[in-house]
Amino acid sequence: MKTAIKFFFTLAITLITQIGFCQNPIIRDFFTADPAPIVHNDIVYLYTSHDTASVESKNYEMKDWLVFSSTDMVNWEYQGAPISPKTFSWATGDAYAAHCTERDGKFYFYVSTFHKEDENSKGGAAIGVAVSDNPTGPFVDAIGKALVVNEMTTDNKHGWDDIDPAVFIDDDARLPDGQGQAYIYWGNGSLKWAKLKDNMIEMDGEINYLNPENFIEGPWVYKRNDLYYLLYASKGEKAEQIDYCIATSPEGPWEHKGVIMESVPNSFTVHPGVVTYKGNDYFFYHNGVLPTGGSYRRSICVDYMYYNEDGTIQKVIQTEEGVGAVE
């Protein structure tokens, strides 16, 4: 009898331990993709796309953007769906990848969706910007029109090349009013970038074009120490993987450094998001491993990110365990 009790007690502890350390994917109540994490007031806010396609669907169905928060990187609280394409009177279609950033106490949410055919555009992918006083919204259209429409970019290869915005504020490059210079990066098939005015809702100057090695989509730009990093979804053998470049300026020139994460299981796409929180560096991405998941029903994961002494990034190891809790 004692032996049997001991056996079942050991089995229970083992199962609890395994469950406790099988964190990835971190969001299991929704199918989520395109992670965009930020840190504000010692809280991590994770902005995501929301996959709502059926199991049989052969295309994306993404009707809104979701927000989650955490103070320990393990427990994630759902904060709602504070914005959708319906937020924008000019928009139609799905809610593709987005990015949120804070400036002067306001939160600016940059989205990729599609534009109605009207006097401002003949349609195609477009980028909008919404604003809120709170990181969890609600958000409202900041300018009443798209920030980027298909007609503004000159290297169009298709009608949906203006997607996946990522915004970076360079505090080392000061504007005359003392504010950091903001940049927006986006694109599919080619990478575009432009400066933003300090109001965060207008471009400041021309649109510039880059062609990083193997670039597909999903740029993410940040600074660490004296180096600037450009991460993006790149061409793998059968599916997207993550490449990166390094520069000494957010305007480049960018030096390609290679692949930092291989293709993910059960999803053709992958999308990077990076944040430093409580002394650790974290790499967010999505895959399709949840039950009934796939390329149109994706799930966000997070693993540790490590750097070499020269600033180059070590390969990110995809794990089921994920990351440990921090206080």
Protein backbone atom coordinates (compact mmCIF):
# COMPACT_ATOMS: atom_id res chain seq x y z
CA MET A 1 0.00 0.00 0.00
CA LYS A 2 2.77 2.41 0.96
CA THR A 3 4.60 1.54 -2.27
CA ALA A 4 1.50 2.32 -4.34
CA ILE A 5 0.95 5.63 -2.55
CA LYS A 6 4.58 6.56 -3.07
CA PHE A 7 4.32 5.67 -6.77
CA PHE A 8 1.24 7.80 -7.39
CA PHE A 9 2.68 10.68 -5.33
CA THR A 10 5.86 10.60 -7.42
CA LEU A 11 3.83 10.44 -10.64
CA ALA A 12 1.71 13.42 -9.57
CA ILE A 13 4.78 15.49 -8.72
CA THR A 14 6.34 14.58 -12.07
CA LEU A 15 3.23 15.60 -13.99
CA ILE A 16 2.91 18.86 -12.06
CA THR A 17 6.56 19.63 -12.70
CA GLN A 18 6.22 18.90 -16.41
CA ILE A 19 3.10 21.00 -16.73
CA GLY A 20 4.67 23.84 -14.78
CA PHE A 21 7.68 23.92 -17.07
CA CYS A 22 5.87 23.48 -20.39
CA GLN A 23 5.06 27.13 -20.80
CA ASN A 24 5.18 27.49 -24.57
CA PRO A 25 2.95 28.59 -26.18
CA ILE A 26 2.30 31.26 -23.56
CA ILE A 27 -1.21 32.16 -24.81
CA ARG A 28 -3.58 29.19 -25.02
CA ASP A 29 -7.09 30.66 -24.87
CA PHE A 30 -6.70 32.37 -28.27
CA PHE A 31 -4.77 31.74 -31.43
CA THR A 32 -2.28 34.62 -31.51
CA ALA A 33 0.57 35.72 -33.78
CA ASP A 34 2.96 38.58 -34.57
CA PRO A 35 4.10 39.40 -31.00
CA ALA A 36 4.91 43.04 -30.22
CA PRO A 37 6.05 43.37 -26.58
CA ILE A 38 6.84 46.61 -24.74
CA VAL A 39 7.74 47.41 -21.13
CA HIS A 40 5.88 50.21 -19.34
CA ASN A 41 5.87 50.93 -15.60
CA ASP A 42 7.56 47.59 -14.92
CA ILE A 43 4.85 45.65 -16.75
CA VAL A 44 5.28 43.77 -20.03
CA TYR A 45 2.46 44.45 -22.46
CA LEU A 46 2.17 41.99 -25.32
CA TYR A 47 0.24 43.12 -28.40
CA THR A 48 -0.78 40.36 -30.79
CA SER A 49 -2.61 39.54 -33.95
CA HIS A 50 -5.63 37.28 -33.46
CA ASP A 51 -6.14 34.27 -35.73
CA THR A 52 -9.81 33.32 -36.04
CA ALA A 53 -9.65 31.10 -39.13
CA SER A 54 -11.39 27.72 -39.01
CA VAL A 55 -9.39 24.50 -39.05
CA GLU A 56 -10.33 24.02 -42.71
CA SER A 57 -9.49 27.59 -43.78
CA LYS A 58 -6.81 28.16 -46.40
CA ASN A 59 -6.23 31.83 -45.62
CA TYR A 60 -5.91 34.28 -42.74
CA GLU A 61 -8.91 35.53 -40.81
CA MET A 62 -7.80 38.23 -38.34
CA LYS A 63 -10.51 40.56 -37.07
CA ASP A 64 -8.85 42.48 -34.22
CA TRP A 65 -5.72 42.95 -32.12
CA LEU A 66 -5.36 41.65 -28.55
CA VAL A 67 -3.37 42.81 -25.51
CA PHE A 68 -1.93 40.73 -22.66
CA SER A 69 0.18 41.78 -19.68
CA SER A 70 2.60 40.13 -17.26
CA THR A 71 4.80 41.06 -14.34
CA ASP A 72 6.67 37.75 -14.17
CA MET A 73 6.91 36.55 -17.81
CA VAL A 74 4.97 33.40 -16.96
CA ASN A 75 1.46 34.47 -16.03
CA TRP A 76 -0.25 36.46 -18.80
CA GLU A 77 -3.46 38.39 -18.16
CA TYR A 78 -5.83 39.04 -21.05
CA GLN A 79 -6.50 42.79 -21.34
CA GLY A 80 -9.02 42.68 -24.16
CA ALA A 81 -9.25 43.60 -27.84
CA PRO A 82 -8.96 47.40 -27.78
CA ILE A 83 -8.66 47.97 -31.51
CA SER A 84 -9.71 46.46 -34.83
CA PRO A 85 -9.86 47.55 -38.49
CA LYS A 86 -13.30 48.96 -37.66
CA THR A 87 -11.44 51.62 -35.62
CA PHE A 88 -10.45 53.17 -38.96
CA SER A 89 -13.19 54.48 -41.25
CA TRP A 90 -10.95 53.99 -44.30
CA ALA A 91 -10.04 50.38 -43.53
CA THR A 92 -11.37 47.06 -44.70
CA GLY A 93 -10.11 43.52 -44.38
CA ASP A 94 -8.00 41.73 -41.82
CA ALA A 95 -5.91 42.87 -38.86
CA TYR A 96 -2.33 42.03 -39.81
CA ALA A 97 0.77 42.59 -37.66
CA ALA A 98 0.89 45.73 -35.49
CA HIS A 99 3.22 47.53 -33.12
CA CYS A 100 2.60 49.79 -30.11
CA THR A 101 4.95 52.32 -28.54
CA GLU A 102 4.72 54.98 -25.84
CA ARG A 103 5.70 58.64 -26.08
CA ASP A 104 4.93 61.50 -23.70
CA GLY A 105 2.33 59.47 -21.85
CA LYS A 106 0.41 58.42 -24.96
CA PHE A 107 0.41 55.05 -26.68
CA TYR A 108 0.60 54.89 -30.45
CA PHE A 109 -0.64 51.74 -32.14
CA TYR A 110 0.57 51.19 -35.72
CA VAL A 111 -1.43 48.64 -37.66
CA SER A 112 -1.41 46.95 -41.04
CA THR A 113 -4.74 46.32 -42.70
CA PHE A 114 -6.31 47.07 -46.08
CA HIS A 115 -7.67 50.27 -47.57
CA LYS A 116 -11.05 50.88 -49.13
CA GLU A 117 -11.15 52.14 -52.70
CA ASP A 118 -11.77 55.86 -52.33
CA GLU A 119 -10.27 59.23 -53.22
CA ASN A 120 -7.17 58.51 -51.12
CA SER A 121 -6.29 55.05 -52.42
CA LYS A 122 -7.26 52.45 -54.98
CA GLY A 123 -6.96 49.81 -52.28
CA GLY A 124 -4.28 47.39 -51.15
CA ALA A 125 -2.44 47.13 -47.86
CA ALA A 126 -2.10 50.25 -45.74
CA ILE A 127 -0.69 51.31 -42.38
CA GLY A 128 -2.71 53.28 -39.87
CA VAL A 129 -1.97 54.77 -36.47
CA ALA A 130 -4.26 54.93 -33.45
CA VAL A 131 -3.70 56.56 -30.06
CA SER A 132 -4.71 56.01 -26.45
CA ASP A 133 -3.90 57.34 -23.00
CA ASN A 134 -3.54 53.78 -21.73
CA PRO A 135 -1.47 50.81 -22.91
CA THR A 136 -4.61 48.66 -22.96
CA GLY A 137 -6.72 51.18 -24.87
CA PRO A 138 -9.26 51.89 -26.07
CA PHE A 139 -7.54 53.27 -29.15
CA VAL A 140 -8.94 55.79 -31.66
CA ASP A 141 -7.76 56.70 -35.14
CA ALA A 142 -5.13 59.39 -34.62
CA ILE A 143 -5.34 61.13 -38.01
CA GLY A 144 -8.54 60.01 -39.74
CA LYS A 145 -6.65 58.57 -42.69
CA ALA A 146 -3.92 56.04 -43.41
CA LEU A 147 -0.32 56.90 -42.59
CA VAL A 148 0.87 54.80 -45.56
CA VAL A 149 -1.15 53.78 -48.61
CA ASN A 150 -0.10 51.51 -51.45
CA GLU A 151 0.41 54.44 -53.84
CA MET A 152 3.07 56.01 -51.63
CA THR A 153 5.65 53.26 -52.16
CA THR A 154 7.34 52.97 -55.52
CA ASP A 155 8.67 49.40 -55.49
CA ASN A 156 5.29 47.69 -55.21
CA LYS A 157 5.52 44.03 -56.13
CA HIS A 158 1.95 43.31 -55.08
CA GLY A 159 -0.96 44.97 -53.33
CA TRP A 160 0.03 43.92 -49.83
CA ASP A 161 3.67 44.97 -49.55
CA ASP A 162 2.90 47.78 -47.06
CA ILE A 163 2.40 45.62 -43.95
CA ASP A 164 4.08 44.81 -40.63
CA PRO A 165 4.98 48.22 -39.15
CA ALA A 166 7.61 48.46 -36.41
CA VAL A 167 8.45 51.73 -34.66
CA PHE A 168 11.70 52.59 -32.91
CA ILE A 169 12.54 55.78 -30.99
CA ASP A 170 16.25 56.55 -30.93
CA ASP A 171 16.94 58.50 -27.77
CA ASP A 172 20.53 59.06 -28.88
CA ALA A 173 19.40 61.11 -31.89
CA ARG A 174 17.79 64.22 -30.44
CA LEU A 175 15.43 66.54 -32.26
CA PRO A 176 15.59 70.31 -31.69
CA ASP A 177 12.94 70.02 -28.96
CA GLY A 178 15.01 67.40 -27.14
CA GLN A 179 12.82 64.47 -28.15
CA GLY A 180 14.30 61.25 -29.51
CA GLN A 181 14.03 60.68 -33.25
CA ALA A 182 11.32 58.15 -34.13
CA TYR A 183 11.49 55.78 -37.09
CA ILE A 184 8.98 53.47 -38.72
CA TYR A 185 9.98 50.33 -40.65
CA TRP A 186 7.65 48.08 -42.64
CA GLY A 187 7.24 45.92 -45.72
CA ASN A 188 6.83 42.60 -47.46
CA GLY A 189 9.24 41.71 -50.22
CA SER A 190 11.27 44.85 -49.58
CA LEU A 191 11.92 46.86 -46.44
CA LYS A 192 10.85 50.50 -46.21
CA TRP A 193 11.65 53.03 -43.51
CA ALA A 194 11.02 56.68 -42.75
CA LYS A 195 11.45 59.18 -39.98
CA LEU A 196 8.42 60.19 -37.94
CA LYS A 197 7.78 63.67 -36.64
CA ASP A 198 7.76 64.05 -32.88
CA ASN A 199 3.94 63.95 -32.91
CA MET A 200 4.28 60.29 -34.02
CA ILE A 201 1.48 60.59 -36.57
CA GLU A 202 3.26 62.20 -39.55
CA MET A 203 6.24 61.16 -41.62
CA ASP A 204 9.21 63.49 -41.65
CA GLY A 205 10.83 63.23 -45.04
CA GLU A 206 10.97 60.65 -47.79
CA ILE A 207 10.41 56.91 -47.69
CA ASN A 208 13.65 54.95 -47.94
CA TYR A 209 14.18 51.42 -49.28
CA LEU A 210 16.39 48.57 -48.13
CA ASN A 211 16.96 45.04 -49.34
CA PRO A 212 18.38 43.06 -46.43
CA GLU A 213 19.55 39.58 -47.32
CA ASN A 214 16.63 37.12 -47.62
CA PHE A 215 14.14 39.69 -46.29
CA ILE A 216 10.46 38.73 -46.42
CA GLU A 217 8.55 40.71 -43.79
CA GLY A 218 8.09 41.43 -40.08
CA PRO A 219 10.92 43.86 -39.22
CA TRP A 220 11.81 44.60 -35.59
CA VAL A 221 14.35 47.31 -34.70
CA TYR A 222 15.93 48.08 -31.31
CA LYS A 223 19.16 49.30 -29.72
CA ARG A 224 21.43 47.53 -27.27
CA ASN A 225 24.57 49.24 -25.96
CA ASP A 226 26.03 51.04 -28.98
CA LEU A 227 24.55 48.77 -31.66
CA TYR A 228 21.28 48.84 -33.56
CA TYR A 229 19.58 45.58 -34.46
CA LEU A 230 17.25 44.78 -37.35
CA LEU A 231 15.48 41.44 -37.08
CA TYR A 232 13.07 40.10 -39.68
CA ALA A 233 11.34 37.06 -41.15
CA SER A 234 13.57 35.67 -43.89
CA LYS A 235 13.57 32.97 -46.54
CA GLY A 236 14.24 29.51 -45.16
CA GLU A 237 14.36 26.28 -47.11
CA LYS A 238 10.65 25.57 -46.68
CA ALA A 239 9.33 28.30 -44.38
CA GLU A 240 10.27 31.61 -42.83
CA GLN A 241 13.09 31.87 -40.32
CA ILE A 242 14.60 34.87 -38.50
CA ASP A 243 17.68 36.72 -39.77
CA TYR A 244 19.31 39.81 -38.31
CA CYS A 245 21.54 42.73 -39.20
CA ILE A 246 23.62 45.14 -37.10
CA ALA A 247 24.39 48.83 -37.65
CA THR A 248 25.81 51.81 -35.77
CA SER A 249 22.83 53.97 -36.83
CA PRO A 250 19.09 53.27 -37.16
CA GLU A 251 19.45 54.47 -40.76
CA GLY A 252 22.14 51.89 -41.55
CA PRO A 253 24.13 50.76 -43.37
CA TRP A 254 23.07 47.34 -42.08
CA GLU A 255 25.46 44.39 -41.96
CA HIS A 256 23.81 41.00 -42.31
CA LYS A 257 24.88 38.65 -39.51
CA GLY A 258 22.94 35.51 -40.29
CA VAL A 259 20.10 33.36 -38.97
CA ILE A 260 19.23 33.52 -35.27
CA MET A 261 16.18 31.24 -35.28
CA GLU A 262 15.25 28.40 -37.58
CA SER A 263 11.77 27.83 -38.98
CA VAL A 264 9.08 27.01 -36.42
CA PRO A 265 6.92 23.89 -36.30
CA ASN A 266 3.56 23.80 -38.09
CA SER A 267 3.60 27.40 -39.37
CA PHE A 268 4.95 28.82 -42.59
CA THR A 269 5.38 32.28 -41.04
CA VAL A 270 7.30 33.50 -38.02
CA HIS A 271 7.56 37.00 -36.57
CA PRO A 272 10.10 38.35 -34.03
CA GLY A 273 9.62 40.54 -30.97
CA VAL A 274 12.36 41.43 -28.47
CA VAL A 275 12.25 42.95 -25.00
CA THR A 276 14.59 43.32 -22.03
CA TYR A 277 12.84 42.89 -18.69
CA LYS A 278 14.20 42.64 -15.15
CA GLY A 279 17.70 41.88 -16.35
CA ASN A 280 16.84 39.24 -18.95
CA ASP A 281 16.53 39.39 -22.73
CA TYR A 282 13.48 37.70 -24.24
CA PHE A 283 12.66 36.62 -27.78
CA PHE A 284 8.98 36.30 -28.74
CA TYR A 285 7.79 34.42 -31.82
CA HIS A 286 4.85 32.31 -32.98
CA ASN A 287 4.37 28.75 -34.17
CA GLY A 288 1.42 26.44 -34.87
CA VAL A 289 1.77 23.73 -32.24
CA LEU A 290 -1.44 24.05 -30.24
CA PRO A 291 -4.13 21.43 -30.95
CA THR A 292 -5.89 22.32 -34.25
CA GLY A 293 -3.18 24.94 -34.82
CA GLY A 294 -1.37 25.71 -38.04
CA SER A 295 -0.22 28.49 -40.36
CA TYR A 296 -3.56 30.28 -39.97
CA ARG A 297 -4.08 29.33 -36.31
CA ARG A 298 -0.82 30.34 -34.65
CA SER A 299 0.40 30.68 -31.07
CA ILE A 300 2.95 32.96 -29.41
CA CYS A 301 5.97 31.61 -27.55
CA VAL A 302 8.87 33.18 -25.67
CA ASP A 303 12.41 31.98 -25.02
CA TYR A 304 15.61 33.50 -23.69
CA MET A 305 17.89 35.53 -25.92
CA TYR A 306 21.66 35.71 -25.43
CA TYR A 307 24.42 37.88 -26.89
CA ASN A 308 28.10 37.29 -27.49
CA GLU A 309 30.71 39.74 -26.17
CA ASP A 310 30.97 41.45 -29.56
CA GLY A 311 27.22 42.13 -29.61
CA THR A 312 26.27 39.40 -32.06
CA ILE A 313 23.24 37.30 -31.18
CA GLN A 314 23.43 33.63 -30.29
CA LYS A 315 21.01 31.21 -31.95
CA VAL A 316 17.64 31.27 -30.19
CA ILE A 317 16.69 27.79 -28.99
CA GLN A 318 12.99 27.02 -29.31
CA THR A 319 11.77 25.19 -26.22
CA GLU A 320 8.55 23.84 -24.78
CA GLU A 321 9.72 24.92 -21.32
CA GLY A 322 9.85 28.61 -22.18
CA VAL A 323 11.23 30.98 -19.54
CA GLY A 324 11.19 31.05 -15.75
CA ALA A 325 9.26 33.44 -13.57
CA VAL A 326 10.94 36.67 -12.45
CA GLU A 327 10.04 38.87 -9.53
